[in-house]
Amino acid sequence: MKTLVFALTALLSSTSFAGRSCTGKIEDHFRAQGYQTRQAEFQKTLENGDKVYYVRTNYHGGDAAHEVLVDSRCNILEVRELWSE
């Protein structure tokens, strides 16, 4: 029973860590370009397994929102600006 609980805890922890590392990778992509970011938010999983994230950015006082498409390994496939001001 303890082994089952340990295995379940480890599985849930690794899933949580994987989710954070993907959002961190997306945020790092924008920070490398000089943007300040808010935490990337998961939006949905597409039929092919790709995932869509939403992230707000700020660059020299101008706000923007982006949609980021990543594959199952969290490699960024596409970044689309939704709006900016």
PDB file of N, CA and C in Angstrom:
ATOM      1  N   MET A   1       0.825  -1.185   0.000  1.00  0.00           N
ATOM      2  CA  MET A   1       0.000   0.000   0.000  1.00  0.00           C
ATOM      3  C   MET A   1       0.883   1.269   0.000  1.00  0.00           C
ATOM      4  N   LYS A   2       1.939   1.258   0.813  1.00  0.00           N
ATOM      5  CA  LYS A   2       2.833   2.415   0.860  1.00  0.00           C
ATOM      6  C   LYS A   2       3.516   2.621  -0.493  1.00  0.00           C
ATOM      7  N   THR A   3       3.836   1.513  -1.160  1.00  0.00           N
ATOM      8  CA  THR A   3       4.474   1.601  -2.468  1.00  0.00           C
ATOM      9  C   THR A   3       3.535   2.246  -3.473  1.00  0.00           C
ATOM     10  N   LEU A   4       2.260   1.877  -3.422  1.00  0.00           N
ATOM     11  CA  LEU A   4       1.268   2.451  -4.335  1.00  0.00           C
ATOM     12  C   LEU A   4       1.121   3.954  -4.096  1.00  0.00           C
ATOM     13  N   VAL A   5       1.047   4.340  -2.834  1.00  0.00           N
ATOM     14  CA  VAL A   5       0.922   5.764  -2.504  1.00  0.00           C
ATOM     15  C   VAL A   5       2.161   6.522  -2.970  1.00  0.00           C
ATOM     16  N   PHE A   6       3.347   5.953  -2.736  1.00  0.00           N
ATOM     17  CA  PHE A   6       4.591   6.584  -3.169  1.00  0.00           C
ATOM     18  C   PHE A   6       4.630   6.733  -4.687  1.00  0.00           C
ATOM     19  N   ALA A   7       4.248   5.677  -5.411  1.00  0.00           N
ATOM     20  CA  ALA A   7       4.257   5.719  -6.879  1.00  0.00           C
ATOM     21  C   ALA A   7       3.283   6.769  -7.397  1.00  0.00           C
ATOM     22  N   LEU A   8       2.106   6.837  -6.810  1.00  0.00           N
ATOM     23  CA  LEU A   8       1.108   7.824  -7.226  1.00  0.00           C
ATOM     24  C   LEU A   8       1.602   9.246  -6.947  1.00  0.00           C
ATOM     25  N   THR A   9       2.208   9.448  -5.789  1.00  0.00           N
ATOM     26  CA  THR A   9       2.758  10.765  -5.448  1.00  0.00           C
ATOM     27  C   THR A   9       3.866  11.161  -6.420  1.00  0.00           C
ATOM     28  N   ALA A  10       4.739  10.222  -6.735  1.00  0.00           N
ATOM     29  CA  ALA A  10       5.830  10.504  -7.670  1.00  0.00           C
ATOM     30  C   ALA A  10       5.288  10.853  -9.052  1.00  0.00           C
ATOM     31  N   LEU A  11       4.267  10.127  -9.498  1.00  0.00           N
ATOM     32  CA  LEU A  11       3.671  10.395 -10.808  1.00  0.00           C
ATOM     33  C   LEU A  11       3.049  11.786 -10.852  1.00  0.00           C
ATOM     34  N   LEU A  12       2.292  12.130  -9.836  1.00  0.00           N
ATOM     35  CA  LEU A  12       1.657  13.449  -9.805  1.00  0.00           C
ATOM     36  C   LEU A  12       2.688  14.555  -9.696  1.00  0.00           C
ATOM     37  N   SER A  13       3.740  14.346  -8.944  1.00  0.00           N
ATOM     38  CA  SER A  13       4.797  15.349  -8.819  1.00  0.00           C
ATOM     39  C   SER A  13       5.514  15.562 -10.138  1.00  0.00           C
ATOM     40  N   SER A  14       5.787  14.489 -10.863  1.00  0.00           N
ATOM     41  CA  SER A  14       6.486  14.633 -12.140  1.00  0.00           C
ATOM     42  C   SER A  14       5.603  15.317 -13.174  1.00  0.00           C
ATOM     43  N   THR A  15       4.303  15.050 -13.127  1.00  0.00           N
ATOM     44  CA  THR A  15       3.384  15.728 -14.044  1.00  0.00           C
ATOM     45  C   THR A  15       3.337  17.214 -13.736  1.00  0.00           C
ATOM     46  N   SER A  16       3.281  17.561 -12.466  1.00  0.00           N
ATOM     47  CA  SER A  16       3.264  18.958 -12.065  1.00  0.00           C
ATOM     48  C   SER A  16       4.565  19.649 -12.459  1.00  0.00           C
ATOM     49  N   PHE A  17       5.702  18.997 -12.236  1.00  0.00           N
ATOM     50  CA  PHE A  17       6.995  19.559 -12.593  1.00  0.00           C
ATOM     51  C   PHE A  17       7.101  19.761 -14.095  1.00  0.00           C
ATOM     52  N   ALA A  18       6.607  18.779 -14.871  1.00  0.00           N
ATOM     53  CA  ALA A  18       6.667  18.899 -16.334  1.00  0.00           C
ATOM     54  C   ALA A  18       5.854  20.088 -16.805  1.00  0.00           C
ATOM     55  N   GLY A  19       4.697  20.329 -16.193  1.00  0.00           N
ATOM     56  CA  GLY A  19       3.883  21.469 -16.568  1.00  0.00           C
ATOM     57  C   GLY A  19       4.581  22.779 -16.282  1.00  0.00           C
ATOM     58  N   ARG A  20       5.240  22.876 -15.152  1.00  0.00           N
ATOM     59  CA  ARG A  20       5.952  24.104 -14.790  1.00  0.00           C
ATOM     60  C   ARG A  20       7.151  24.317 -15.692  1.00  0.00           C
ATOM     61  N   SER A  21       7.859  23.251 -16.012  1.00  0.00           N
ATOM     62  CA  SER A  21       9.036  23.431 -16.845  1.00  0.00           C
ATOM     63  C   SER A  21       8.648  23.912 -18.239  1.00  0.00           C
ATOM     64  N   CYS A  22       7.482  23.520 -18.719  1.00  0.00           N
ATOM     65  CA  CYS A  22       7.039  23.984 -20.037  1.00  0.00           C
ATOM     66  C   CYS A  22       6.680  25.475 -19.973  1.00  0.00           C
ATOM     67  N   THR A  23       5.944  25.875 -18.952  1.00  0.00           N
ATOM     68  CA  THR A  23       5.612  27.298 -18.843  1.00  0.00           C
ATOM     69  C   THR A  23       6.881  28.110 -18.639  1.00  0.00           C
ATOM     70  N   GLY A  24       7.822  27.565 -17.883  1.00  0.00           N
ATOM     71  CA  GLY A  24       9.096  28.251 -17.677  1.00  0.00           C
ATOM     72  C   GLY A  24       9.867  28.412 -18.971  1.00  0.00           C
ATOM     73  N   LYS A  25       9.830  27.400 -19.814  1.00  0.00           N
ATOM     74  CA  LYS A  25      10.522  27.461 -21.104  1.00  0.00           C
ATOM     75  C   LYS A  25       9.896  28.539 -22.001  1.00  0.00           C
ATOM     76  N   ILE A  26       8.576  28.634 -21.968  1.00  0.00           N
ATOM     77  CA  ILE A  26       7.877  29.652 -22.760  1.00  0.00           C
ATOM     78  C   ILE A  26       8.236  31.047 -22.238  1.00  0.00           C
ATOM     79  N   GLU A  27       8.197  31.210 -20.925  1.00  0.00           N
ATOM     80  CA  GLU A  27       8.539  32.507 -20.339  1.00  0.00           C
ATOM     81  C   GLU A  27       9.987  32.877 -20.643  1.00  0.00           C
ATOM     82  N   ASP A  28      10.893  31.913 -20.581  1.00  0.00           N
ATOM     83  CA  ASP A  28      12.302  32.167 -20.901  1.00  0.00           C
ATOM     84  C   ASP A  28      12.481  32.617 -22.349  1.00  0.00           C
ATOM     85  N   HIS A  29      11.655  32.085 -23.250  1.00  0.00           N
ATOM     86  CA  HIS A  29      11.710  32.478 -24.666  1.00  0.00           C
ATOM     87  C   HIS A  29      11.483  33.987 -24.802  1.00  0.00           C
ATOM     88  N   PHE A  30      10.494  34.502 -24.083  1.00  0.00           N
ATOM     89  CA  PHE A  30      10.192  35.929 -24.155  1.00  0.00           C
ATOM     90  C   PHE A  30      11.226  36.762 -23.393  1.00  0.00           C
ATOM     91  N   ARG A  31      11.667  36.286 -22.249  1.00  0.00           N
ATOM     92  CA  ARG A  31      12.672  37.018 -21.471  1.00  0.00           C
ATOM     93  C   ARG A  31      13.975  37.172 -22.253  1.00  0.00           C
ATOM     94  N   ALA A  32      14.326  36.177 -23.041  1.00  0.00           N
ATOM     95  CA  ALA A  32      15.543  36.246 -23.847  1.00  0.00           C
ATOM     96  C   ALA A  32      15.464  37.378 -24.872  1.00  0.00           C
ATOM     97  N   GLN A  33      14.245  37.795 -25.211  1.00  0.00           N
ATOM     98  CA  GLN A  33      14.047  38.890 -26.158  1.00  0.00           C
ATOM     99  C   GLN A  33      13.842  40.229 -25.459  1.00  0.00           C
ATOM    100  N   GLY A  34      13.989  40.249 -24.121  1.00  0.00           N
ATOM    101  CA  GLY A  34      13.880  41.492 -23.376  1.00  0.00           C
ATOM    102  C   GLY A  34      12.507  41.799 -22.816  1.00  0.00           C
ATOM    103  N   TYR A  35      11.554  40.877 -22.949  1.00  0.00           N
ATOM    104  CA  TYR A  35      10.206  41.085 -22.420  1.00  0.00           C
ATOM    105  C   TYR A  35      10.145  40.740 -20.939  1.00  0.00           C
ATOM    106  N   GLN A  36       9.265  41.400 -20.227  1.00  0.00           N
ATOM    107  CA  GLN A  36       8.852  40.960 -18.903  1.00  0.00           C
ATOM    108  C   GLN A  36       7.609  40.121 -19.144  1.00  0.00           C
ATOM    109  N   THR A  37       7.443  39.032 -18.398  1.00  0.00           N
ATOM    110  CA  THR A  37       6.293  38.162 -18.637  1.00  0.00           C
ATOM    111  C   THR A  37       5.522  37.904 -17.365  1.00  0.00           C
ATOM    112  N   ARG A  38       4.270  37.576 -17.552  1.00  0.00           N
ATOM    113  CA  ARG A  38       3.470  36.980 -16.485  1.00  0.00           C
ATOM    114  C   ARG A  38       3.522  35.476 -16.726  1.00  0.00           C
ATOM    115  N   GLN A  39       3.083  34.698 -15.775  1.00  0.00           N
ATOM    116  CA  GLN A  39       3.152  33.254 -15.925  1.00  0.00           C
ATOM    117  C   GLN A  39       2.303  32.803 -17.113  1.00  0.00           C
ATOM    118  N   ALA A  40       2.889  31.961 -17.956  1.00  0.00           N
ATOM    119  CA  ALA A  40       2.168  31.408 -19.096  1.00  0.00           C
ATOM    120  C   ALA A  40       1.036  30.522 -18.588  1.00  0.00           C
ATOM    121  N   GLU A  41      -0.106  30.600 -19.255  1.00  0.00           N
ATOM    122  CA  GLU A  41      -1.281  29.826 -18.844  1.00  0.00           C
ATOM    123  C   GLU A  41      -1.629  28.805 -19.910  1.00  0.00           C
ATOM    124  N   PHE A  42      -1.815  27.555 -19.491  1.00  0.00           N
ATOM    125  CA  PHE A  42      -2.228  26.507 -20.410  1.00  0.00           C
ATOM    126  C   PHE A  42      -3.655  26.790 -20.864  1.00  0.00           C
ATOM    127  N   GLN A  43      -3.919  26.662 -22.176  1.00  0.00           N
ATOM    128  CA  GLN A  43      -5.257  26.896 -22.708  1.00  0.00           C
ATOM    129  C   GLN A  43      -5.957  25.611 -23.135  1.00  0.00           C
ATOM    130  N   LYS A  44      -5.282  24.821 -23.991  1.00  0.00           N
ATOM    131  CA  LYS A  44      -5.938  23.599 -24.481  1.00  0.00           C
ATOM    132  C   LYS A  44      -4.917  22.689 -25.151  1.00  0.00           C
ATOM    133  N   THR A  45      -5.329  21.436 -25.321  1.00  0.00           N
ATOM    134  CA  THR A  45      -4.553  20.462 -26.081  1.00  0.00           C
ATOM    135  C   THR A  45      -5.277  20.232 -27.402  1.00  0.00           C
ATOM    136  N   LEU A  46      -4.557  20.314 -28.502  1.00  0.00           N
ATOM    137  CA  LEU A  46      -5.142  20.093 -29.823  1.00  0.00           C
ATOM    138  C   LEU A  46      -5.252  18.599 -30.115  1.00  0.00           C
ATOM    139  N   GLU A  47      -5.996  18.244 -31.140  1.00  0.00           N
ATOM    140  CA  GLU A  47      -6.210  16.841 -31.496  1.00  0.00           C
ATOM    141  C   GLU A  47      -4.908  16.101 -31.777  1.00  0.00           C
ATOM    142  N   ASN A  48      -3.909  16.778 -32.306  1.00  0.00           N
ATOM    143  CA  ASN A  48      -2.632  16.133 -32.637  1.00  0.00           C
ATOM    144  C   ASN A  48      -1.679  16.045 -31.444  1.00  0.00           C
ATOM    145  N   GLY A  49      -2.098  16.523 -30.261  1.00  0.00           N
ATOM    146  CA  GLY A  49      -1.271  16.460 -29.069  1.00  0.00           C
ATOM    147  C   GLY A  49      -0.510  17.735 -28.767  1.00  0.00           C
ATOM    148  N   ASP A  50      -0.462  18.675 -29.703  1.00  0.00           N
ATOM    149  CA  ASP A  50       0.180  19.957 -29.446  1.00  0.00           C
ATOM    150  C   ASP A  50      -0.637  20.725 -28.409  1.00  0.00           C
ATOM    151  N   LYS A  51       0.030  21.617 -27.670  1.00  0.00           N
ATOM    152  CA  LYS A  51      -0.633  22.378 -26.619  1.00  0.00           C
ATOM    153  C   LYS A  51      -0.539  23.868 -26.899  1.00  0.00           C
ATOM    154  N   VAL A  52      -1.541  24.582 -26.448  1.00  0.00           N
ATOM    155  CA  VAL A  52      -1.618  26.031 -26.645  1.00  0.00           C
ATOM    156  C   VAL A  52      -1.530  26.711 -25.281  1.00  0.00           C
ATOM    157  N   TYR A  53      -0.650  27.695 -25.178  1.00  0.00           N
ATOM    158  CA  TYR A  53      -0.486  28.491 -23.969  1.00  0.00           C
ATOM    159  C   TYR A  53      -0.740  29.958 -24.295  1.00  0.00           C
ATOM    160  N   TYR A  54      -1.153  30.704 -23.288  1.00  0.00           N
ATOM    161  CA  TYR A  54      -1.405  32.137 -23.388  1.00  0.00           C
ATOM    162  C   TYR A  54      -0.421  32.825 -22.449  1.00  0.00           C
ATOM    163  N   VAL A  55       0.236  33.859 -22.923  1.00  0.00           N
ATOM    164  CA  VAL A  55       1.180  34.581 -22.067  1.00  0.00           C
ATOM    165  C   VAL A  55       1.069  36.079 -22.321  1.00  0.00           C
ATOM    166  N   ARG A  56       1.068  36.852 -21.233  1.00  0.00           N
ATOM    167  CA  ARG A  56       1.051  38.308 -21.315  1.00  0.00           C
ATOM    168  C   ARG A  56       2.471  38.802 -21.156  1.00  0.00           C
ATOM    169  N   THR A  57       2.833  39.810 -21.931  1.00  0.00           N
ATOM    170  CA  THR A  57       4.176  40.367 -21.874  1.00  0.00           C
ATOM    171  C   THR A  57       4.130  41.885 -21.765  1.00  0.00           C
ATOM    172  N   ASN A  58       5.267  42.425 -21.361  1.00  0.00           N
ATOM    173  CA  ASN A  58       5.429  43.865 -21.277  1.00  0.00           C
ATOM    174  C   ASN A  58       6.815  44.185 -21.809  1.00  0.00           C
ATOM    175  N   TYR A  59       6.890  45.126 -22.733  1.00  0.00           N
ATOM    176  CA  TYR A  59       8.160  45.507 -23.332  1.00  0.00           C
ATOM    177  C   TYR A  59       8.231  47.024 -23.344  1.00  0.00           C
ATOM    178  N   HIS A  60       9.065  47.600 -22.502  1.00  0.00           N
ATOM    179  CA  HIS A  60       9.215  49.055 -22.376  1.00  0.00           C
ATOM    180  C   HIS A  60       7.871  49.749 -22.178  1.00  0.00           C
ATOM    181  N   GLY A  61       7.036  49.182 -21.324  1.00  0.00           N
ATOM    182  CA  GLY A  61       5.763  49.805 -20.987  1.00  0.00           C
ATOM    183  C   GLY A  61       4.610  49.423 -21.884  1.00  0.00           C
ATOM    184  N   GLY A  62       4.844  48.732 -22.988  1.00  0.00           N
ATOM    185  CA  GLY A  62       3.760  48.318 -23.875  1.00  0.00           C
ATOM    186  C   GLY A  62       3.344  46.889 -23.579  1.00  0.00           C
ATOM    187  N   ASP A  63       2.065  46.695 -23.293  1.00  0.00           N
ATOM    188  CA  ASP A  63       1.545  45.369 -22.993  1.00  0.00           C
ATOM    189  C   ASP A  63       1.167  44.630 -24.268  1.00  0.00           C
ATOM    190  N   ALA A  64       1.237  43.302 -24.196  1.00  0.00           N
ATOM    191  CA  ALA A  64       0.829  42.462 -25.322  1.00  0.00           C
ATOM    192  C   ALA A  64       0.407  41.099 -24.791  1.00  0.00           C
ATOM    193  N   ALA A  65      -0.312  40.370 -25.623  1.00  0.00           N
ATOM    194  CA  ALA A  65      -0.700  38.998 -25.307  1.00  0.00           C
ATOM    195  C   ALA A  65      -0.304  38.119 -26.487  1.00  0.00           C
ATOM    196  N   HIS A  66       0.185  36.938 -26.170  1.00  0.00           N
ATOM    197  CA  HIS A  66       0.655  36.013 -27.194  1.00  0.00           C
ATOM    198  C   HIS A  66       0.044  34.638 -26.985  1.00  0.00           C
ATOM    199  N   GLU A  67      -0.141  33.939 -28.085  1.00  0.00           N
ATOM    200  CA  GLU A  67      -0.551  32.542 -28.057  1.00  0.00           C
ATOM    201  C   GLU A  67       0.653  31.733 -28.526  1.00  0.00           C
ATOM    202  N   VAL A  68       1.035  30.727 -27.744  1.00  0.00           N
ATOM    203  CA  VAL A  68       2.225  29.941 -28.036  1.00  0.00           C
ATOM    204  C   VAL A  68       1.813  28.495 -28.249  1.00  0.00           C
ATOM    205  N   LEU A  69       2.207  27.929 -29.377  1.00  0.00           N
ATOM    206  CA  LEU A  69       1.923  26.539 -29.704  1.00  0.00           C
ATOM    207  C   LEU A  69       3.181  25.724 -29.466  1.00  0.00           C
ATOM    208  N   VAL A  70       3.068  24.664 -28.654  1.00  0.00           N
ATOM    209  CA  VAL A  70       4.213  23.798 -28.356  1.00  0.00           C
ATOM    210  C   VAL A  70       3.853  22.356 -28.676  1.00  0.00           C
ATOM    211  N   ASP A  71       4.888  21.549 -28.967  1.00  0.00           N
ATOM    212  CA  ASP A  71       4.653  20.123 -29.205  1.00  0.00           C
ATOM    213  C   ASP A  71       4.651  19.380 -27.870  1.00  0.00           C
ATOM    214  N   SER A  72       4.562  18.059 -27.920  1.00  0.00           N
ATOM    215  CA  SER A  72       4.473  17.254 -26.699  1.00  0.00           C
ATOM    216  C   SER A  72       5.731  17.336 -25.842  1.00  0.00           C
ATOM    217  N   ARG A  73       6.854  17.740 -26.422  1.00  0.00           N
ATOM    218  CA  ARG A  73       8.102  17.890 -25.661  1.00  0.00           C
ATOM    219  C   ARG A  73       8.354  19.345 -25.274  1.00  0.00           C
ATOM    220  N   CYS A  74       7.362  20.189 -25.471  1.00  0.00           N
ATOM    221  CA  CYS A  74       7.413  21.610 -25.132  1.00  0.00           C
ATOM    222  C   CYS A  74       8.395  22.391 -26.005  1.00  0.00           C
ATOM    223  N   ASN A  75       8.594  21.957 -27.219  1.00  0.00           N
ATOM    224  CA  ASN A  75       9.358  22.745 -28.183  1.00  0.00           C
ATOM    225  C   ASN A  75       8.402  23.750 -28.809  1.00  0.00           C
ATOM    226  N   ILE A  76       8.795  25.002 -28.833  1.00  0.00           N
ATOM    227  CA  ILE A  76       7.927  26.053 -29.366  1.00  0.00           C
ATOM    228  C   ILE A  76       7.832  25.915 -30.874  1.00  0.00           C
ATOM    229  N   LEU A  77       6.605  25.758 -31.359  1.00  0.00           N
ATOM    230  CA  LEU A  77       6.356  25.616 -32.792  1.00  0.00           C
ATOM    231  C   LEU A  77       5.956  26.943 -33.435  1.00  0.00           C
ATOM    232  N   GLU A  78       5.178  27.728 -32.690  1.00  0.00           N
ATOM    233  CA  GLU A  78       4.663  28.976 -33.260  1.00  0.00           C
ATOM    234  C   GLU A  78       4.320  29.951 -32.135  1.00  0.00           C
ATOM    235  N   VAL A  79       4.610  31.222 -32.362  1.00  0.00           N
ATOM    236  CA  VAL A  79       4.230  32.287 -31.438  1.00  0.00           C
ATOM    237  C   VAL A  79       3.399  33.282 -32.240  1.00  0.00           C
ATOM    238  N   ARG A  80       2.220  33.556 -31.744  1.00  0.00           N
ATOM    239  CA  ARG A  80       1.328  34.479 -32.452  1.00  0.00           C
ATOM    240  C   ARG A  80       0.919  35.601 -31.495  1.00  0.00           C
ATOM    241  N   GLU A  81       1.105  36.833 -31.939  1.00  0.00           N
ATOM    242  CA  GLU A  81       0.696  37.980 -31.122  1.00  0.00           C
ATOM    243  C   GLU A  81      -0.814  38.157 -31.280  1.00  0.00           C
ATOM    244  N   LEU A  82      -1.532  38.152 -30.172  1.00  0.00           N
ATOM    245  CA  LEU A  82      -2.986  38.324 -30.203  1.00  0.00           C
ATOM    246  C   LEU A  82      -3.367  39.801 -30.210  1.00  0.00           C
ATOM    247  N   TRP A  83      -2.687  40.587 -29.398  1.00  0.00           N
ATOM    248  CA  TRP A  83      -2.911  42.039 -29.371  1.00  0.00           C
ATOM    249  C   TRP A  83      -1.722  42.697 -28.700  1.00  0.00           C
ATOM    250  N   SER A  84      -1.594  43.985 -28.953  1.00  0.00           N
ATOM    251  CA  SER A  84      -0.562  44.774 -28.274  1.00  0.00           C
ATOM    252  C   SER A  84      -1.002  46.220 -28.214  1.00  0.00           C
ATOM    253  N   GLU A  85      -0.431  46.938 -27.264  1.00  0.00           N
ATOM    254  CA  GLU A  85      -0.757  48.376 -27.129  1.00  0.00           C
ATOM    255  C   GLU A  85       0.483  49.157 -26.828  1.00  0.00           C
TER     256      GLU A  85
END
